[in-house]
């Protein structure tokens, strides 16, 4: 169903009167869709070499983004050596991620610092609370909308869920988290002393919440891992009150090469930081751009309220795995 919504002609028709999307950006988006290359699955273990090969056929954009991504997670002093090895040796993605780990360890030893298991990931977590508050509160105040109950959907370890709710002036007893019993590092038995109401959910089974229960639901980098998006969005519509909100953060991919960049960053965290070399056996990803998310959410009873702003061109976001926030309001119940 989702794929049918995102046919090129449907994208054009949906956004033809969208004043928030300049015509030339929509044209850029469509052009990238039409000239796209084949997506190489994460299980192939050769997404990095595929991006390099694709960039030679097209342009240097994704190649430069790939270099930026690798530099972000490695010892940049040795980055040129690693790139030379990638270009000259038949290295798999896993080989490269392990080289990156050794590079970081060398840097830590050289400077005698201890950065912990995943310094970039940890440092970004706290920023999410301030960004959520900054993005949502002015809108709620303008609409004179009072949050009653808040749900952090796909809350992972739930360690930030209470902070999210408190930052939005939600009472502690009305802050909820929901997630699967186990998903990679996250599992229910580890969710202890989180000071929220945690509810375990199952795939394709109705969530244990009443209809129209939540004023706000957040989905932080969750939806691209959902296998049955149709079921999940129907449930999110059901448990969101009328005129309630869903706050979403997601990667913003236009092409298959950008999708592979996002897969690569997931792989870096799981292999290079956490040493889960076989995680890809259960890994699932399906990325969309906000141009597409607007269409998807509209189909499930929501309308776009506000989101982050693109740069002049659709591919200019500085982060190699481009991320954005989007806020949607529920405007109708589904049958």
C-alpha atoms as a PDB file:
ATOM      1  CA  UNK A   1       0.000   0.000   0.000  1.00  0.00           C
ATOM      2  CA  UNK A   2       2.766   2.456   0.942  1.00  0.00           C
ATOM      3  CA  UNK A   3       4.607   1.923  -2.349  1.00  0.00           C
ATOM      4  CA  UNK A   4       1.459   2.722  -4.337  1.00  0.00           C
ATOM      5  CA  UNK A   5       1.199   6.046  -2.497  1.00  0.00           C
ATOM      6  CA  UNK A   6       4.714   6.990  -3.551  1.00  0.00           C
ATOM      7  CA  UNK A   7       4.556   6.578  -7.287  1.00  0.00           C
ATOM      8  CA  UNK A   8       6.113   9.609  -8.975  1.00  0.00           C
ATOM      9  CA  UNK A   9       2.827  10.848 -10.431  1.00  0.00           C
ATOM     10  CA  UNK A  10       1.180  10.655  -6.996  1.00  0.00           C
ATOM     11  CA  UNK A  11       4.051  12.581  -5.373  1.00  0.00           C
ATOM     12  CA  UNK A  12       3.720  15.336  -7.965  1.00  0.00           C
ATOM     13  CA  UNK A  13      -0.059  15.505  -7.578  1.00  0.00           C
ATOM     14  CA  UNK A  14       0.077  15.603  -3.762  1.00  0.00           C
ATOM     15  CA  UNK A  15       2.614  18.439  -3.624  1.00  0.00           C
ATOM     16  CA  UNK A  16       1.509  20.502  -6.621  1.00  0.00           C
ATOM     17  CA  UNK A  17      -0.154  23.095  -4.367  1.00  0.00           C
ATOM     18  CA  UNK A  18       2.240  22.799  -1.410  1.00  0.00           C
ATOM     19  CA  UNK A  19       3.415  26.361  -0.751  1.00  0.00           C
ATOM     20  CA  UNK A  20       6.052  25.075   1.696  1.00  0.00           C
ATOM     21  CA  UNK A  21       7.821  23.146  -1.085  1.00  0.00           C
ATOM     22  CA  UNK A  22       9.289  25.258  -3.911  1.00  0.00           C
ATOM     23  CA  UNK A  23       8.629  23.795  -7.340  1.00  0.00           C
ATOM     24  CA  UNK A  24      12.322  23.399  -8.189  1.00  0.00           C
ATOM     25  CA  UNK A  25      12.931  21.266  -5.070  1.00  0.00           C
ATOM     26  CA  UNK A  26      10.137  18.913  -6.043  1.00  0.00           C
ATOM     27  CA  UNK A  27      11.661  18.717  -9.526  1.00  0.00           C
ATOM     28  CA  UNK A  28      15.067  17.916  -7.984  1.00  0.00           C
ATOM     29  CA  UNK A  29      13.509  15.177  -5.889  1.00  0.00           C
ATOM     30  CA  UNK A  30      11.810  13.604  -8.911  1.00  0.00           C
ATOM     31  CA  UNK A  31      15.012  13.814 -10.987  1.00  0.00           C
ATOM     32  CA  UNK A  32      16.946  11.911  -8.328  1.00  0.00           C
ATOM     33  CA  UNK A  33      14.207   9.287  -8.211  1.00  0.00           C
ATOM     34  CA  UNK A  34      14.323   8.773 -11.971  1.00  0.00           C
ATOM     35  CA  UNK A  35      18.099   8.375 -12.208  1.00  0.00           C
ATOM     36  CA  UNK A  36      18.458   6.167  -9.164  1.00  0.00           C
ATOM     37  CA  UNK A  37      20.818   3.206  -8.932  1.00  0.00           C
ATOM     38  CA  UNK A  38      20.152  -0.266  -7.596  1.00  0.00           C
ATOM     39  CA  UNK A  39      19.992  -0.681  -3.836  1.00  0.00           C
ATOM     40  CA  UNK A  40      22.536  -3.203  -2.538  1.00  0.00           C
ATOM     41  CA  UNK A  41      21.154  -4.895   0.555  1.00  0.00           C
ATOM     42  CA  UNK A  42      23.026  -4.610   3.840  1.00  0.00           C
ATOM     43  CA  UNK A  43      23.453  -8.388   3.901  1.00  0.00           C
ATOM     44  CA  UNK A  44      25.643  -8.172   0.788  1.00  0.00           C
ATOM     45  CA  UNK A  45      28.456  -6.719   2.941  1.00  0.00           C
ATOM     46  CA  UNK A  46      29.523  -4.502   0.051  1.00  0.00           C
ATOM     47  CA  UNK A  47      27.490  -1.313   0.328  1.00  0.00           C
ATOM     48  CA  UNK A  48      30.609   0.856   0.632  1.00  0.00           C
ATOM     49  CA  UNK A  49      32.202  -0.397  -2.585  1.00  0.00           C
ATOM     50  CA  UNK A  50      28.808  -0.138  -4.311  1.00  0.00           C
ATOM     51  CA  UNK A  51      28.520   3.558  -3.387  1.00  0.00           C
ATOM     52  CA  UNK A  52      32.039   4.183  -4.690  1.00  0.00           C
ATOM     53  CA  UNK A  53      31.215   2.445  -7.959  1.00  0.00           C
ATOM     54  CA  UNK A  54      27.920   4.329  -8.303  1.00  0.00           C
ATOM     55  CA  UNK A  55      29.619   7.665  -7.691  1.00  0.00           C
ATOM     56  CA  UNK A  56      32.002   7.025 -10.590  1.00  0.00           C
ATOM     57  CA  UNK A  57      29.033   6.535 -12.894  1.00  0.00           C
ATOM     58  CA  UNK A  58      27.104   9.584 -11.708  1.00  0.00           C
ATOM     59  CA  UNK A  59      28.731  12.276  -9.547  1.00  0.00           C
ATOM     60  CA  UNK A  60      30.842  12.712  -6.445  1.00  0.00           C
ATOM     61  CA  UNK A  61      28.014  13.692  -4.111  1.00  0.00           C
ATOM     62  CA  UNK A  62      27.465  10.371  -2.357  1.00  0.00           C
ATOM     63  CA  UNK A  63      31.177   9.556  -2.438  1.00  0.00           C
ATOM     64  CA  UNK A  64      31.918  12.754  -0.512  1.00  0.00           C
ATOM     65  CA  UNK A  65      29.096  11.954   1.896  1.00  0.00           C
ATOM     66  CA  UNK A  66      30.580   8.494   2.382  1.00  0.00           C
ATOM     67  CA  UNK A  67      33.981  10.007   3.220  1.00  0.00           C
ATOM     68  CA  UNK A  68      32.295  12.364   5.678  1.00  0.00           C
ATOM     69  CA  UNK A  69      30.489   9.454   7.344  1.00  0.00           C
ATOM     70  CA  UNK A  70      33.641   7.350   7.653  1.00  0.00           C
ATOM     71  CA  UNK A  71      35.592  10.327   8.996  1.00  0.00           C
ATOM     72  CA  UNK A  72      32.888  10.983  11.590  1.00  0.00           C
ATOM     73  CA  UNK A  73      33.475   7.567  13.133  1.00  0.00           C
ATOM     74  CA  UNK A  74      37.206   7.022  12.669  1.00  0.00           C
ATOM     75  CA  UNK A  75      40.631   8.477  13.330  1.00  0.00           C
ATOM     76  CA  UNK A  76      40.735  11.121  10.613  1.00  0.00           C
ATOM     77  CA  UNK A  77      44.536  11.184  10.683  1.00  0.00           C
ATOM     78  CA  UNK A  78      44.512   7.709   9.114  1.00  0.00           C
ATOM     79  CA  UNK A  79      41.439   8.191   6.949  1.00  0.00           C
ATOM     80  CA  UNK A  80      43.418   8.555   3.717  1.00  0.00           C
ATOM     81  CA  UNK A  81      45.159   5.225   4.395  1.00  0.00           C
ATOM     82  CA  UNK A  82      41.837   3.494   4.949  1.00  0.00           C
ATOM     83  CA  UNK A  83      40.333   4.978   1.781  1.00  0.00           C
ATOM     84  CA  UNK A  84      43.370   3.799  -0.199  1.00  0.00           C
ATOM     85  CA  UNK A  85      42.847   0.301   1.187  1.00  0.00           C
ATOM     86  CA  UNK A  86      39.164   0.386   0.293  1.00  0.00           C
ATOM     87  CA  UNK A  87      39.979   1.406  -3.263  1.00  0.00           C
ATOM     88  CA  UNK A  88      42.795  -1.102  -3.782  1.00  0.00           C
ATOM     89  CA  UNK A  89      41.842  -4.129  -1.687  1.00  0.00           C
ATOM     90  CA  UNK A  90      38.721  -6.323  -1.848  1.00  0.00           C
ATOM     91  CA  UNK A  91      37.547  -5.370   1.641  1.00  0.00           C
ATOM     92  CA  UNK A  92      34.057  -6.173   2.866  1.00  0.00           C
ATOM     93  CA  UNK A  93      32.036  -3.627   4.847  1.00  0.00           C
ATOM     94  CA  UNK A  94      32.710  -5.590   8.036  1.00  0.00           C
ATOM     95  CA  UNK A  95      36.468  -5.479   7.381  1.00  0.00           C
ATOM     96  CA  UNK A  96      36.280  -1.706   7.025  1.00  0.00           C
ATOM     97  CA  UNK A  97      34.234  -1.224  10.199  1.00  0.00           C
ATOM     98  CA  UNK A  98      36.774  -3.223  12.170  1.00  0.00           C
ATOM     99  CA  UNK A  99      39.603  -1.127  10.746  1.00  0.00           C
ATOM    100  CA  UNK A 100      37.708   1.964  11.910  1.00  0.00           C
ATOM    101  CA  UNK A 101      37.498   0.536  15.417  1.00  0.00           C
ATOM    102  CA  UNK A 102      41.271   0.031  15.489  1.00  0.00           C
ATOM    103  CA  UNK A 103      41.763   3.598  14.267  1.00  0.00           C
ATOM    104  CA  UNK A 104      39.652   4.998  17.091  1.00  0.00           C
ATOM    105  CA  UNK A 105      41.454   2.857  19.663  1.00  0.00           C
ATOM    106  CA  UNK A 106      44.780   4.139  18.349  1.00  0.00           C
ATOM    107  CA  UNK A 107      43.562   7.724  18.709  1.00  0.00           C
ATOM    108  CA  UNK A 108      42.288   7.127  22.251  1.00  0.00           C
ATOM    109  CA  UNK A 109      45.619   5.574  23.263  1.00  0.00           C
ATOM    110  CA  UNK A 110      47.617   8.369  21.663  1.00  0.00           C
ATOM    111  CA  UNK A 111      45.717  11.119  23.474  1.00  0.00           C
ATOM    112  CA  UNK A 112      45.179   9.100  26.673  1.00  0.00           C
ATOM    113  CA  UNK A 113      41.465   9.820  26.782  1.00  0.00           C
ATOM    114  CA  UNK A 114      38.601   7.443  27.427  1.00  0.00           C
ATOM    115  CA  UNK A 115      35.646   8.321  25.254  1.00  0.00           C
ATOM    116  CA  UNK A 116      33.452   5.356  26.195  1.00  0.00           C
ATOM    117  CA  UNK A 117      31.898   2.805  23.883  1.00  0.00           C
ATOM    118  CA  UNK A 118      30.153   5.222  21.556  1.00  0.00           C
ATOM    119  CA  UNK A 119      31.003   8.917  22.162  1.00  0.00           C
ATOM    120  CA  UNK A 120      29.030  10.415  19.275  1.00  0.00           C
ATOM    121  CA  UNK A 121      25.867   8.467  20.057  1.00  0.00           C
ATOM    122  CA  UNK A 122      25.961   9.338  23.756  1.00  0.00           C
ATOM    123  CA  UNK A 123      26.682  13.037  23.220  1.00  0.00           C
ATOM    124  CA  UNK A 124      23.685  13.431  20.935  1.00  0.00           C
ATOM    125  CA  UNK A 125      21.108  11.877  23.249  1.00  0.00           C
ATOM    126  CA  UNK A 126      20.671  14.863  25.555  1.00  0.00           C
ATOM    127  CA  UNK A 127      20.289  17.222  22.625  1.00  0.00           C
ATOM    128  CA  UNK A 128      17.095  15.426  21.646  1.00  0.00           C
ATOM    129  CA  UNK A 129      15.296  16.667  24.749  1.00  0.00           C
ATOM    130  CA  UNK A 130      16.087  20.319  24.082  1.00  0.00           C
ATOM    131  CA  UNK A 131      15.265  19.976  20.399  1.00  0.00           C
ATOM    132  CA  UNK A 132      11.906  18.340  21.114  1.00  0.00           C
ATOM    133  CA  UNK A 133      10.996  21.109  23.548  1.00  0.00           C
ATOM    134  CA  UNK A 134      12.190  23.851  21.203  1.00  0.00           C
ATOM    135  CA  UNK A 135      10.285  22.475  18.223  1.00  0.00           C
ATOM    136  CA  UNK A 136       6.977  21.630  19.874  1.00  0.00           C
ATOM    137  CA  UNK A 137       6.218  24.005  22.754  1.00  0.00           C
ATOM    138  CA  UNK A 138       5.821  27.189  20.637  1.00  0.00           C
ATOM    139  CA  UNK A 139       3.325  25.385  18.415  1.00  0.00           C
ATOM    140  CA  UNK A 140       1.329  24.025  21.357  1.00  0.00           C
ATOM    141  CA  UNK A 141       1.298  27.443  22.986  1.00  0.00           C
ATOM    142  CA  UNK A 142       0.071  29.095  19.804  1.00  0.00           C
ATOM    143  CA  UNK A 143      -2.702  26.516  19.463  1.00  0.00           C
ATOM    144  CA  UNK A 144      -3.477  26.700  23.201  1.00  0.00           C
ATOM    145  CA  UNK A 145      -3.148  22.912  23.235  1.00  0.00           C
ATOM    146  CA  UNK A 146      -2.546  21.205  26.583  1.00  0.00           C
ATOM    147  CA  UNK A 147      -0.716  17.884  26.604  1.00  0.00           C
ATOM    148  CA  UNK A 148      -2.430  15.305  28.798  1.00  0.00           C
ATOM    149  CA  UNK A 149      -0.636  12.042  28.059  1.00  0.00           C
ATOM    150  CA  UNK A 150       2.624  11.498  26.172  1.00  0.00           C
ATOM    151  CA  UNK A 151       3.965   8.315  24.547  1.00  0.00           C
ATOM    152  CA  UNK A 152       7.546   7.702  23.457  1.00  0.00           C
ATOM    153  CA  UNK A 153       6.940   5.060  20.772  1.00  0.00           C
ATOM    154  CA  UNK A 154       9.955   2.834  20.203  1.00  0.00           C
ATOM    155  CA  UNK A 155      11.538   4.101  23.410  1.00  0.00           C
ATOM    156  CA  UNK A 156      14.508   1.697  23.363  1.00  0.00           C
ATOM    157  CA  UNK A 157      16.100   1.788  26.815  1.00  0.00           C
ATOM    158  CA  UNK A 158      13.523   4.437  27.911  1.00  0.00           C
ATOM    159  CA  UNK A 159      16.233   6.443  29.692  1.00  0.00           C
ATOM    160  CA  UNK A 160      15.218   9.724  28.069  1.00  0.00           C
ATOM    161  CA  UNK A 161      11.460   9.178  27.958  1.00  0.00           C
ATOM    162  CA  UNK A 162      10.742  10.825  31.295  1.00  0.00           C
ATOM    163  CA  UNK A 163      12.924  13.802  30.365  1.00  0.00           C
ATOM    164  CA  UNK A 164      11.006  14.225  27.119  1.00  0.00           C
ATOM    165  CA  UNK A 165       7.684  14.290  28.952  1.00  0.00           C
ATOM    166  CA  UNK A 166       8.832  16.546  31.779  1.00  0.00           C
ATOM    167  CA  UNK A 167      10.342  19.019  29.298  1.00  0.00           C
ATOM    168  CA  UNK A 168       6.868  19.339  27.761  1.00  0.00           C
ATOM    169  CA  UNK A 169       5.177  19.848  31.150  1.00  0.00           C
ATOM    170  CA  UNK A 170       3.496  16.442  31.166  1.00  0.00           C
ATOM    171  CA  UNK A 171       2.868  14.975  34.616  1.00  0.00           C
ATOM    172  CA  UNK A 172       5.132  12.045  35.484  1.00  0.00           C
ATOM    173  CA  UNK A 173       2.192   9.648  35.832  1.00  0.00           C
ATOM    174  CA  UNK A 174       1.090  10.478  32.283  1.00  0.00           C
ATOM    175  CA  UNK A 175       4.415   9.654  30.588  1.00  0.00           C
ATOM    176  CA  UNK A 176       4.497   6.337  28.718  1.00  0.00           C
ATOM    177  CA  UNK A 177       6.998   4.347  26.719  1.00  0.00           C
ATOM    178  CA  UNK A 178       6.285   1.491  24.317  1.00  0.00           C
ATOM    179  CA  UNK A 179       8.562  -0.928  22.508  1.00  0.00           C
ATOM    180  CA  UNK A 180       9.056  -4.543  21.521  1.00  0.00           C
ATOM    181  CA  UNK A 181      10.149  -7.037  24.155  1.00  0.00           C
ATOM    182  CA  UNK A 182      13.545  -7.283  22.462  1.00  0.00           C
ATOM    183  CA  UNK A 183      15.202  -5.412  19.612  1.00  0.00           C
ATOM    184  CA  UNK A 184      18.992  -5.782  19.351  1.00  0.00           C
ATOM    185  CA  UNK A 185      20.491  -4.188  22.505  1.00  0.00           C
ATOM    186  CA  UNK A 186      17.102  -3.200  23.895  1.00  0.00           C
ATOM    187  CA  UNK A 187      14.901  -5.589  25.875  1.00  0.00           C
ATOM    188  CA  UNK A 188      12.238  -5.347  28.554  1.00  0.00           C
ATOM    189  CA  UNK A 189      14.257  -6.981  31.323  1.00  0.00           C
ATOM    190  CA  UNK A 190      16.818  -4.164  31.029  1.00  0.00           C
ATOM    191  CA  UNK A 191      14.201  -1.429  31.309  1.00  0.00           C
ATOM    192  CA  UNK A 192      14.410  -1.025  35.061  1.00  0.00           C
ATOM    193  CA  UNK A 193      13.985   2.091  37.164  1.00  0.00           C
ATOM    194  CA  UNK A 194      12.963   4.168  34.134  1.00  0.00           C
ATOM    195  CA  UNK A 195      10.241   5.986  36.136  1.00  0.00           C
ATOM    196  CA  UNK A 196       7.651   5.820  33.369  1.00  0.00           C
ATOM    197  CA  UNK A 197       4.755   3.564  32.471  1.00  0.00           C
ATOM    198  CA  UNK A 198       6.315   1.100  30.045  1.00  0.00           C
ATOM    199  CA  UNK A 199       4.024  -0.998  27.842  1.00  0.00           C
ATOM    200  CA  UNK A 200       5.379  -3.881  25.801  1.00  0.00           C
ATOM    201  CA  UNK A 201       4.015  -4.132  22.270  1.00  0.00           C
ATOM    202  CA  UNK A 202       4.034  -6.908  19.690  1.00  0.00           C
ATOM    203  CA  UNK A 203       4.199  -6.737  15.931  1.00  0.00           C
ATOM    204  CA  UNK A 204       0.780  -6.883  14.264  1.00  0.00           C
ATOM    205  CA  UNK A 205      -1.090  -7.061  17.574  1.00  0.00           C
ATOM    206  CA  UNK A 206      -3.363  -4.240  18.742  1.00  0.00           C
ATOM    207  CA  UNK A 207      -1.583  -2.030  21.271  1.00  0.00           C
ATOM    208  CA  UNK A 208      -2.802  -2.097  24.855  1.00  0.00           C
ATOM    209  CA  UNK A 209      -4.007   1.510  24.836  1.00  0.00           C
ATOM    210  CA  UNK A 210      -7.496   2.974  24.632  1.00  0.00           C
ATOM    211  CA  UNK A 211      -8.632   4.858  21.544  1.00  0.00           C
ATOM    212  CA  UNK A 212      -7.729   8.571  21.453  1.00  0.00           C
ATOM    213  CA  UNK A 213      -5.520   8.132  24.519  1.00  0.00           C
ATOM    214  CA  UNK A 214      -2.448  10.282  23.811  1.00  0.00           C
ATOM    215  CA  UNK A 215      -2.064  13.991  23.160  1.00  0.00           C
ATOM    216  CA  UNK A 216       1.453  13.533  21.767  1.00  0.00           C
ATOM    217  CA  UNK A 217       3.423  10.573  20.444  1.00  0.00           C
ATOM    218  CA  UNK A 218       7.095  10.766  19.517  1.00  0.00           C
ATOM    219  CA  UNK A 219       8.916   8.408  17.153  1.00  0.00           C
ATOM    220  CA  UNK A 220      12.645   9.040  17.355  1.00  0.00           C
ATOM    221  CA  UNK A 221      14.393   7.329  14.421  1.00  0.00           C
ATOM    222  CA  UNK A 222      11.944   4.420  14.712  1.00  0.00           C
ATOM    223  CA  UNK A 223       9.688   4.255  11.682  1.00  0.00           C
ATOM    224  CA  UNK A 224      12.379   3.268   9.176  1.00  0.00           C
ATOM    225  CA  UNK A 225      12.804   0.017  11.153  1.00  0.00           C
ATOM    226  CA  UNK A 226       9.081  -0.855  11.042  1.00  0.00           C
ATOM    227  CA  UNK A 227       8.302  -3.809   8.777  1.00  0.00           C
ATOM    228  CA  UNK A 228       4.515  -3.344   8.693  1.00  0.00           C
ATOM    229  CA  UNK A 229       4.172   0.434   8.511  1.00  0.00           C
ATOM    230  CA  UNK A 230       0.507   0.170   7.505  1.00  0.00           C
ATOM    231  CA  UNK A 231      -0.392  -1.589  10.765  1.00  0.00           C
ATOM    232  CA  UNK A 232       1.696   0.740  12.943  1.00  0.00           C
ATOM    233  CA  UNK A 233       0.330   3.961  11.472  1.00  0.00           C
ATOM    234  CA  UNK A 234      -3.234   2.715  11.815  1.00  0.00           C
ATOM    235  CA  UNK A 235      -2.574   1.979  15.481  1.00  0.00           C
ATOM    236  CA  UNK A 236      -0.886   5.337  16.040  1.00  0.00           C
ATOM    237  CA  UNK A 237      -3.920   7.041  14.533  1.00  0.00           C
ATOM    238  CA  UNK A 238      -6.229   5.023  16.789  1.00  0.00           C
ATOM    239  CA  UNK A 239      -4.433   5.899  20.040  1.00  0.00           C
ATOM    240  CA  UNK A 240      -3.870   9.589  19.201  1.00  0.00           C
ATOM    241  CA  UNK A 241      -6.627  11.990  20.247  1.00  0.00           C
ATOM    242  CA  UNK A 242      -8.257  14.188  17.647  1.00  0.00           C
ATOM    243  CA  UNK A 243      -6.025  17.235  17.002  1.00  0.00           C
ATOM    244  CA  UNK A 244      -3.243  15.438  18.875  1.00  0.00           C
ATOM    245  CA  UNK A 245       0.282  15.309  17.484  1.00  0.00           C
ATOM    246  CA  UNK A 246       2.953  12.894  16.314  1.00  0.00           C
ATOM    247  CA  UNK A 247       6.558  14.101  16.405  1.00  0.00           C
ATOM    248  CA  UNK A 248       8.848  12.185  14.062  1.00  0.00           C
ATOM    249  CA  UNK A 249      12.592  12.225  13.452  1.00  0.00           C
ATOM    250  CA  UNK A 250      13.855  10.331  10.419  1.00  0.00           C
ATOM    251  CA  UNK A 251      16.670  10.061   7.918  1.00  0.00           C
ATOM    252  CA  UNK A 252      15.927  12.014   4.742  1.00  0.00           C
ATOM    253  CA  UNK A 253      16.933   9.881   1.790  1.00  0.00           C
ATOM    254  CA  UNK A 254      16.317  10.630  -1.854  1.00  0.00           C
ATOM    255  CA  UNK A 255      18.262   7.877  -3.616  1.00  0.00           C
ATOM    256  CA  UNK A 256      19.277   4.278  -3.037  1.00  0.00           C
ATOM    257  CA  UNK A 257      22.868   5.367  -2.479  1.00  0.00           C
ATOM    258  CA  UNK A 258      21.667   7.603   0.368  1.00  0.00           C
ATOM    259  CA  UNK A 259      19.734   4.660   1.783  1.00  0.00           C
ATOM    260  CA  UNK A 260      22.937   2.662   1.766  1.00  0.00           C
ATOM    261  CA  UNK A 261      24.704   5.476   3.630  1.00  0.00           C
ATOM    262  CA  UNK A 262      22.093   5.171   6.387  1.00  0.00           C
ATOM    263  CA  UNK A 263      22.541   1.400   6.472  1.00  0.00           C
ATOM    264  CA  UNK A 264      26.288   1.892   6.727  1.00  0.00           C
ATOM    265  CA  UNK A 265      25.935   4.169   9.726  1.00  0.00           C
ATOM    266  CA  UNK A 266      23.741   1.581  11.446  1.00  0.00           C
ATOM    267  CA  UNK A 267      26.399  -1.012  10.662  1.00  0.00           C
ATOM    268  CA  UNK A 268      29.158   1.188  12.064  1.00  0.00           C
ATOM    269  CA  UNK A 269      27.373   1.430  15.401  1.00  0.00           C
ATOM    270  CA  UNK A 270      26.595  -2.280  15.604  1.00  0.00           C
ATOM    271  CA  UNK A 271      29.913  -3.646  14.334  1.00  0.00           C
ATOM    272  CA  UNK A 272      32.523  -0.984  14.992  1.00  0.00           C
ATOM    273  CA  UNK A 273      31.231   0.116  18.403  1.00  0.00           C
ATOM    274  CA  UNK A 274      29.191  -2.789  19.768  1.00  0.00           C
ATOM    275  CA  UNK A 275      30.855  -5.744  17.980  1.00  0.00           C
ATOM    276  CA  UNK A 276      27.554  -7.265  16.812  1.00  0.00           C
ATOM    277  CA  UNK A 277      28.987  -8.713  13.602  1.00  0.00           C
ATOM    278  CA  UNK A 278      25.856 -10.747  12.775  1.00  0.00           C
ATOM    279  CA  UNK A 279      23.279  -8.069  13.547  1.00  0.00           C
ATOM    280  CA  UNK A 280      22.398  -7.693   9.856  1.00  0.00           C
ATOM    281  CA  UNK A 281      20.643 -11.079   9.932  1.00  0.00           C
ATOM    282  CA  UNK A 282      17.641  -9.445  11.649  1.00  0.00           C
ATOM    283  CA  UNK A 283      18.164  -5.868  10.470  1.00  0.00           C
ATOM    284  CA  UNK A 284      15.416  -4.120   8.522  1.00  0.00           C
ATOM    285  CA  UNK A 285      15.314  -0.614   7.083  1.00  0.00           C
ATOM    286  CA  UNK A 286      13.029   1.361   4.801  1.00  0.00           C
ATOM    287  CA  UNK A 287      13.796   5.067   4.533  1.00  0.00           C
ATOM    288  CA  UNK A 288      11.656   7.906   3.193  1.00  0.00           C
ATOM    289  CA  UNK A 289      12.110  11.621   2.611  1.00  0.00           C
ATOM    290  CA  UNK A 290       9.782  14.140   4.274  1.00  0.00           C
ATOM    291  CA  UNK A 291       8.255  14.765   0.851  1.00  0.00           C
ATOM    292  CA  UNK A 292       7.129  11.149   1.019  1.00  0.00           C
ATOM    293  CA  UNK A 293       6.317  11.108   4.743  1.00  0.00           C
ATOM    294  CA  UNK A 294       3.815  13.931   4.203  1.00  0.00           C
ATOM    295  CA  UNK A 295       1.943  11.737   1.731  1.00  0.00           C
ATOM    296  CA  UNK A 296       2.133   8.683   3.964  1.00  0.00           C
ATOM    297  CA  UNK A 297       0.857  10.469   7.072  1.00  0.00           C
ATOM    298  CA  UNK A 298      -1.920  12.142   5.100  1.00  0.00           C
ATOM    299  CA  UNK A 299      -3.152   8.682   4.095  1.00  0.00           C
ATOM    300  CA  UNK A 300      -3.368   7.743   7.780  1.00  0.00           C
ATOM    301  CA  UNK A 301      -5.312  10.770   8.987  1.00  0.00           C
ATOM    302  CA  UNK A 302      -2.592  13.323   9.763  1.00  0.00           C
ATOM    303  CA  UNK A 303      -1.518  16.629   8.270  1.00  0.00           C
ATOM    304  CA  UNK A 304       1.876  18.261   8.325  1.00  0.00           C
ATOM    305  CA  UNK A 305       2.180  21.102  10.855  1.00  0.00           C
ATOM    306  CA  UNK A 306       5.857  21.956  10.705  1.00  0.00           C
ATOM    307  CA  UNK A 307       9.288  20.451  10.153  1.00  0.00           C
ATOM    308  CA  UNK A 308      12.896  21.357   9.650  1.00  0.00           C
ATOM    309  CA  UNK A 309      13.831  23.401   6.597  1.00  0.00           C
ATOM    310  CA  UNK A 310      15.778  22.028   3.651  1.00  0.00           C
ATOM    311  CA  UNK A 311      18.753  23.929   2.256  1.00  0.00           C
ATOM    312  CA  UNK A 312      18.741  25.490  -1.203  1.00  0.00           C
ATOM    313  CA  UNK A 313      19.179  22.124  -2.879  1.00  0.00           C
ATOM    314  CA  UNK A 314      17.647  18.870  -1.817  1.00  0.00           C
ATOM    315  CA  UNK A 315      21.041  17.240  -1.253  1.00  0.00           C
ATOM    316  CA  UNK A 316      22.770  19.993   0.713  1.00  0.00           C
ATOM    317  CA  UNK A 317      22.089  18.865   4.268  1.00  0.00           C
ATOM    318  CA  UNK A 318      25.523  18.633   5.943  1.00  0.00           C
ATOM    319  CA  UNK A 319      24.927  15.380   7.854  1.00  0.00           C
ATOM    320  CA  UNK A 320      25.878  12.411   5.618  1.00  0.00           C
ATOM    321  CA  UNK A 321      22.796  10.506   6.837  1.00  0.00           C
ATOM    322  CA  UNK A 322      20.503  13.526   6.658  1.00  0.00           C
ATOM    323  CA  UNK A 323      18.028  13.776   9.524  1.00  0.00           C
ATOM    324  CA  UNK A 324      14.923  15.878  10.010  1.00  0.00           C
ATOM    325  CA  UNK A 325      12.080  16.406  12.459  1.00  0.00           C
ATOM    326  CA  UNK A 326       8.438  16.535  11.408  1.00  0.00           C
ATOM    327  CA  UNK A 327       5.291  17.328  13.390  1.00  0.00           C
ATOM    328  CA  UNK A 328       1.922  15.963  12.259  1.00  0.00           C
ATOM    329  CA  UNK A 329      -1.570  16.645  13.612  1.00  0.00           C
ATOM    330  CA  UNK A 330      -4.369  14.102  13.631  1.00  0.00           C
ATOM    331  CA  UNK A 331      -7.312  15.446  11.635  1.00  0.00           C
ATOM    332  CA  UNK A 332      -9.457  12.336  11.158  1.00  0.00           C
ATOM    333  CA  UNK A 333     -10.098   8.883  12.502  1.00  0.00           C
ATOM    334  CA  UNK A 334      -9.610   5.893  10.238  1.00  0.00           C
ATOM    335  CA  UNK A 335     -12.451   3.492   9.606  1.00  0.00           C
END
